[in-house]
Amino acid sequence: MNDYNKPEEPRKEKRSLAGNSIILNLIIIVVVAAIGLWISYISIALFTKHGQKDIVPNVEN
């Protein structure tokens, strides 16, 4: 019997995290959102002056 008459074996699909694009995309979205929130927090902390006082001139109407 030659190779042409043999029935094909069913292919086994590899299941991995990289193979499932929906889960991988969700993980990437969560990571990028967390990094964005962290950058926003750091930038707000740099430019705000909580607990510090500034001298403001008197303004009369």
N, C-alpha and C. Protein backbone atom coordinates (compact mmCIF):
# COMPACT_ATOMS: atom_id res chain seq x y z
N MET A 1 0.85 -1.17 0.00
CA MET A 1 0.00 0.00 0.00
C MET A 1 0.89 1.24 0.00
N ASN A 2 0.58 2.19 -0.83
CA ASN A 2 1.41 3.39 -0.89
C ASN A 2 0.85 4.49 0.01
N ASP A 3 1.57 5.61 0.08
CA ASP A 3 1.18 6.70 0.98
C ASP A 3 -0.12 7.37 0.58
N TYR A 4 -0.52 7.23 -0.67
CA TYR A 4 -1.72 7.92 -1.13
C TYR A 4 -2.99 7.28 -0.59
N ASN A 5 -2.94 6.03 -0.22
CA ASN A 5 -4.13 5.32 0.24
C ASN A 5 -4.33 5.39 1.75
N LYS A 6 -3.35 5.93 2.46
CA LYS A 6 -3.47 6.00 3.92
C LYS A 6 -4.43 7.12 4.31
N PRO A 7 -5.28 6.86 5.26
CA PRO A 7 -6.16 7.96 5.72
C PRO A 7 -5.34 8.99 6.49
N GLU A 8 -5.74 10.23 6.34
CA GLU A 8 -5.02 11.31 7.03
C GLU A 8 -5.34 11.31 8.51
N GLU A 9 -4.34 11.56 9.30
CA GLU A 9 -4.55 11.68 10.74
C GLU A 9 -5.11 13.06 11.04
N PRO A 10 -6.04 13.14 11.97
CA PRO A 10 -6.58 14.47 12.31
C PRO A 10 -5.49 15.35 12.91
N ARG A 11 -5.51 16.60 12.52
CA ARG A 11 -4.51 17.54 13.01
C ARG A 11 -4.89 18.02 14.41
N LYS A 12 -3.92 18.06 15.26
CA LYS A 12 -4.14 18.55 16.62
C LYS A 12 -3.83 20.04 16.65
N GLU A 13 -4.78 20.80 17.14
CA GLU A 13 -4.56 22.23 17.24
C GLU A 13 -3.80 22.54 18.52
N LYS A 14 -2.83 23.40 18.38
CA LYS A 14 -2.07 23.82 19.56
C LYS A 14 -2.85 24.91 20.27
N ARG A 15 -3.07 24.71 21.53
CA ARG A 15 -3.76 25.73 22.32
C ARG A 15 -2.74 26.41 23.20
N SER A 16 -2.53 27.67 22.95
CA SER A 16 -1.60 28.43 23.77
C SER A 16 -2.15 29.84 23.93
N LEU A 17 -1.53 30.60 24.82
CA LEU A 17 -1.99 31.96 25.07
C LEU A 17 -1.78 32.83 23.83
N ALA A 18 -0.67 32.64 23.15
CA ALA A 18 -0.38 33.44 21.96
C ALA A 18 -1.29 33.04 20.80
N GLY A 19 -1.79 31.83 20.81
CA GLY A 19 -2.65 31.37 19.73
C GLY A 19 -4.05 31.92 19.80
N ASN A 20 -4.50 32.29 20.98
CA ASN A 20 -5.84 32.82 21.14
C ASN A 20 -5.76 34.34 21.10
N SER A 21 -6.07 34.92 19.98
CA SER A 21 -5.84 36.35 19.78
C SER A 21 -6.77 37.22 20.63
N ILE A 22 -7.95 36.75 20.97
CA ILE A 22 -8.87 37.56 21.76
C ILE A 22 -8.32 37.75 23.17
N ILE A 23 -7.86 36.68 23.79
CA ILE A 23 -7.31 36.79 25.14
C ILE A 23 -6.03 37.62 25.12
N LEU A 24 -5.20 37.42 24.11
CA LEU A 24 -3.96 38.20 24.00
C LEU A 24 -4.27 39.68 23.84
N ASN A 25 -5.26 40.02 23.03
CA ASN A 25 -5.64 41.42 22.85
C ASN A 25 -6.18 42.02 24.14
N LEU A 26 -6.97 41.26 24.89
CA LEU A 26 -7.49 41.76 26.16
C LEU A 26 -6.37 42.01 27.16
N ILE A 27 -5.40 41.13 27.19
CA ILE A 27 -4.26 41.32 28.09
C ILE A 27 -3.47 42.57 27.69
N ILE A 28 -3.27 42.77 26.40
CA ILE A 28 -2.55 43.96 25.93
C ILE A 28 -3.33 45.22 26.28
N ILE A 29 -4.66 45.21 26.14
CA ILE A 29 -5.48 46.36 26.48
C ILE A 29 -5.34 46.70 27.96
N VAL A 30 -5.39 45.69 28.83
CA VAL A 30 -5.29 45.92 30.27
C VAL A 30 -3.91 46.49 30.62
N VAL A 31 -2.86 45.95 30.02
CA VAL A 31 -1.50 46.42 30.31
C VAL A 31 -1.31 47.86 29.85
N VAL A 32 -1.77 48.19 28.65
CA VAL A 32 -1.63 49.55 28.13
C VAL A 32 -2.45 50.53 28.95
N ALA A 33 -3.65 50.14 29.38
CA ALA A 33 -4.48 51.01 30.21
C ALA A 33 -3.82 51.25 31.56
N ALA A 34 -3.23 50.22 32.15
CA ALA A 34 -2.56 50.38 33.45
C ALA A 34 -1.35 51.30 33.32
N ILE A 35 -0.59 51.16 32.26
CA ILE A 35 0.57 52.04 32.05
C ILE A 35 0.10 53.47 31.82
N GLY A 36 -0.98 53.66 31.06
CA GLY A 36 -1.52 55.00 30.83
C GLY A 36 -2.00 55.65 32.10
N LEU A 37 -2.69 54.89 32.95
CA LEU A 37 -3.14 55.44 34.23
C LEU A 37 -1.97 55.80 35.13
N TRP A 38 -0.94 54.97 35.13
CA TRP A 38 0.25 55.24 35.94
C TRP A 38 0.95 56.51 35.46
N ILE A 39 1.08 56.68 34.16
CA ILE A 39 1.71 57.89 33.61
C ILE A 39 0.87 59.11 33.95
N SER A 40 -0.46 59.01 33.88
CA SER A 40 -1.33 60.13 34.24
C SER A 40 -1.17 60.49 35.71
N TYR A 41 -1.11 59.50 36.57
CA TYR A 41 -0.95 59.75 38.01
C TYR A 41 0.38 60.44 38.29
N ILE A 42 1.45 59.98 37.68
CA ILE A 42 2.77 60.58 37.90
C ILE A 42 2.80 62.01 37.38
N SER A 43 2.22 62.26 36.21
CA SER A 43 2.25 63.62 35.66
C SER A 43 1.39 64.58 36.48
N ILE A 44 0.27 64.12 36.99
CA ILE A 44 -0.56 64.97 37.85
C ILE A 44 0.17 65.25 39.16
N ALA A 45 0.84 64.25 39.70
CA ALA A 45 1.58 64.44 40.96
C ALA A 45 2.72 65.43 40.78
N LEU A 46 3.32 65.49 39.62
CA LEU A 46 4.42 66.42 39.39
C LEU A 46 3.95 67.87 39.30
N PHE A 47 2.77 68.10 38.74
CA PHE A 47 2.33 69.45 38.45
C PHE A 47 1.33 70.02 39.46
N THR A 48 0.95 69.28 40.48
CA THR A 48 0.08 69.83 41.51
C THR A 48 0.89 70.12 42.76
N LYS A 49 0.44 71.10 43.51
CA LYS A 49 1.18 71.54 44.70
C LYS A 49 0.26 71.48 45.92
N HIS A 50 -0.10 70.31 46.35
CA HIS A 50 -0.96 70.16 47.52
C HIS A 50 -0.18 70.47 48.78
N GLY A 51 -0.79 71.27 49.66
CA GLY A 51 -0.16 71.59 50.94
C GLY A 51 0.82 72.75 50.87
N GLN A 52 1.02 73.34 49.71
CA GLN A 52 1.93 74.48 49.58
C GLN A 52 1.11 75.75 49.42
N LYS A 53 1.67 76.86 49.89
CA LYS A 53 0.96 78.13 49.83
C LYS A 53 1.67 79.07 48.86
N ASP A 54 0.87 79.82 48.11
CA ASP A 54 1.39 80.85 47.22
C ASP A 54 0.80 82.19 47.65
N ILE A 55 1.58 83.25 47.50
CA ILE A 55 1.11 84.60 47.81
C ILE A 55 0.34 85.11 46.60
N VAL A 56 -0.90 85.53 46.87
CA VAL A 56 -1.77 86.02 45.81
C VAL A 56 -2.02 87.50 46.07
N PRO A 57 -1.87 88.36 45.06
CA PRO A 57 -2.10 89.79 45.28
C PRO A 57 -3.59 90.08 45.50
N ASN A 58 -3.88 91.14 46.26
CA ASN A 58 -5.26 91.55 46.49
C ASN A 58 -5.81 92.18 45.22
N VAL A 59 -7.01 91.77 44.85
CA VAL A 59 -7.66 92.30 43.66
C VAL A 59 -8.93 93.01 44.11
N GLU A 60 -9.09 94.27 43.69
CA GLU A 60 -10.28 95.04 44.05
C GLU A 60 -11.10 95.31 42.80
N ASN A 61 -12.43 95.21 42.95
CA ASN A 61 -13.32 95.51 41.84
C ASN A 61 -13.77 96.94 41.89
